[in-house]
Protein backbone atom coordinates (compact mmCIF):
# COMPACT_ATOMS: atom_id res chain seq x y z
CA MET A 1 200.34 -148.03 134.39
CA SER A 2 198.26 -151.29 134.50
CA SER A 3 195.30 -151.73 132.37
CA ASP A 4 192.97 -152.00 135.38
CA LYS A 5 194.19 -148.49 136.45
CA ILE A 6 193.56 -147.05 132.92
CA ASP A 7 190.14 -148.51 132.99
CA LYS A 8 189.16 -147.05 136.32
CA ILE A 9 190.39 -143.45 135.11
CA LYS A 10 188.52 -143.71 131.94
CA GLU A 11 185.37 -144.68 133.97
CA ASN A 12 185.65 -141.28 135.56
CA PRO A 13 188.88 -139.31 134.71
CA ILE A 14 187.97 -136.19 136.89
CA GLY A 15 190.38 -136.11 140.05
CA THR A 16 191.74 -133.46 142.64
CA ILE A 17 195.69 -133.07 142.96
CA LYS A 18 196.58 -134.01 146.34
CA ASP A 19 200.50 -133.48 146.25
CA PHE A 20 203.39 -132.42 144.07
CA LYS A 21 206.80 -133.33 143.58
CA MET A 22 210.13 -132.52 141.72
CA THR A 23 210.82 -135.19 138.86
CA ASP A 24 214.24 -134.91 137.53
CA GLY A 25 215.10 -131.40 138.59
CA SER A 26 213.24 -129.53 135.68
CA GLY A 27 209.71 -130.65 136.04
CA VAL A 28 206.74 -131.32 138.46
CA GLY A 29 204.80 -134.41 139.12
CA VAL A 30 201.05 -134.43 140.53
CA GLN A 31 199.56 -137.10 142.79
CA VAL A 32 195.95 -137.31 141.57
CA GLU A 33 193.44 -138.84 143.56
CA PHE A 34 190.09 -139.83 141.77
CA GLU A 35 186.86 -140.73 142.94
CA SER A 36 186.85 -144.24 142.72
CA GLY A 37 189.65 -143.91 145.63
CA LEU A 38 192.70 -144.64 143.12
CA SER A 39 195.63 -142.35 143.68
CA THR A 40 198.46 -142.06 141.33
CA TRP A 41 201.19 -139.88 139.82
CA PHE A 42 201.37 -138.14 136.54
CA PHE A 43 203.82 -135.77 134.91
CA GLU A 44 202.61 -132.09 134.54
CA ASP A 45 202.02 -132.44 130.79
CA GLU A 46 199.66 -135.56 131.29
CA VAL A 47 197.09 -133.76 133.30
CA GLU A 48 194.87 -130.63 132.31
CA LEU A 49 192.53 -128.60 134.37
CA ALA A 50 188.84 -129.38 134.32
CA GLN A 51 186.62 -126.60 134.72
């Protein structure tokens, strides 16, 4: 991931899960859209639920 994307996520790490996809047959990836408009994929173990 580029340093620009990382910086944008650090500014506001709260986002909305917009989609799911199977990764390698045993995992699930999630597409997260942030308030900045940035949208990117993560493995399920790279995100956590904000309450």
